């Protein structure tokens, strides 16, 4: 069982845990039937996201996990 940022996000939408480590090297998106939209941001994308007030305007909840 993996324990990391991607594993945490995957658990919210019921993705199975991977036994093999696969590093995240780019943005990942997912949407499920309950309208839970996950966005995993790679590299300097966080600064860009937080600089734009409209980027989080439609969020009811935002979870930030980092190293």
Protein backbone atom coordinates (compact mmCIF):
# COMPACT_ATOMS: atom_id res chain seq x y z
CA UNK A 1 0.00 0.00 0.00
CA UNK A 2 1.38 3.39 -1.00
CA UNK A 3 1.17 6.43 1.27
CA UNK A 4 1.69 9.79 -0.38
CA UNK A 5 -0.07 12.74 -1.96
CA UNK A 6 -1.30 10.80 -4.98
CA UNK A 7 -2.46 7.89 -2.81
CA UNK A 8 -4.45 10.30 -0.63
CA UNK A 9 -6.15 11.87 -3.63
CA UNK A 10 -6.80 8.49 -5.26
CA UNK A 11 -8.47 7.24 -2.07
CA UNK A 12 -11.13 9.96 -2.34
CA UNK A 13 -12.36 8.56 -5.65
CA UNK A 14 -11.85 4.88 -4.97
CA UNK A 15 -8.84 4.28 -7.20
CA UNK A 16 -7.01 1.12 -6.17
CA UNK A 17 -3.62 1.40 -4.51
CA UNK A 18 -0.62 0.54 -6.65
CA UNK A 19 2.10 -1.70 -5.28
CA UNK A 20 4.61 -0.05 -7.61
CA UNK A 21 5.82 3.53 -7.12
CA UNK A 22 4.99 5.70 -10.12
CA UNK A 23 6.18 9.29 -9.62
CA UNK A 24 3.81 12.05 -10.72
CA UNK A 25 5.55 14.12 -13.38
CA UNK A 26 2.59 16.09 -14.73
CA UNK A 27 -0.86 17.38 -13.74
CA UNK A 28 -3.48 14.69 -13.07
CA UNK A 29 -7.23 15.18 -13.20
CA UNK A 30 -10.16 12.99 -12.19
CA UNK A 31 -13.90 13.42 -11.79
CA UNK A 32 -16.33 10.90 -10.35
CA UNK A 33 -20.11 10.52 -10.15
CA UNK A 34 -20.36 12.61 -7.00
CA UNK A 35 -18.73 15.56 -8.73
CA UNK A 36 -15.55 15.30 -6.76
CA UNK A 37 -12.93 16.87 -8.98
CA UNK A 38 -9.32 16.26 -8.07
CA UNK A 39 -6.43 18.20 -9.44
CA UNK A 40 -2.88 17.20 -8.71
CA UNK A 41 -0.53 20.07 -9.51
CA UNK A 42 3.06 19.44 -10.50
CA UNK A 43 6.00 21.79 -9.96
CA UNK A 44 5.44 25.53 -9.95
CA UNK A 45 1.76 25.23 -10.82
CA UNK A 46 0.75 25.97 -7.21
CA UNK A 47 1.96 29.57 -7.37
CA UNK A 48 0.10 30.08 -10.64
CA UNK A 49 -3.09 28.54 -9.21
CA UNK A 50 -3.05 30.60 -6.02
CA UNK A 51 -2.27 33.82 -7.90
CA UNK A 52 -5.59 33.57 -9.76
CA UNK A 53 -8.51 34.25 -7.38
CA UNK A 54 -11.01 32.76 -9.82
CA UNK A 55 -9.24 29.39 -9.99
CA UNK A 56 -10.67 28.26 -6.63
CA UNK A 57 -13.92 30.28 -6.69
CA UNK A 58 -16.11 27.28 -7.55
CA UNK A 59 -14.58 25.01 -4.89
CA UNK A 60 -16.58 24.05 -1.82
CA UNK A 61 -13.51 22.41 -0.30
CA UNK A 62 -9.85 22.55 -1.29
CA UNK A 63 -7.24 20.20 0.19
CA UNK A 64 -3.57 21.04 -0.20
CA UNK A 65 -0.99 18.35 0.52
CA UNK A 66 2.72 18.89 -0.04
CA UNK A 67 6.14 17.43 0.74
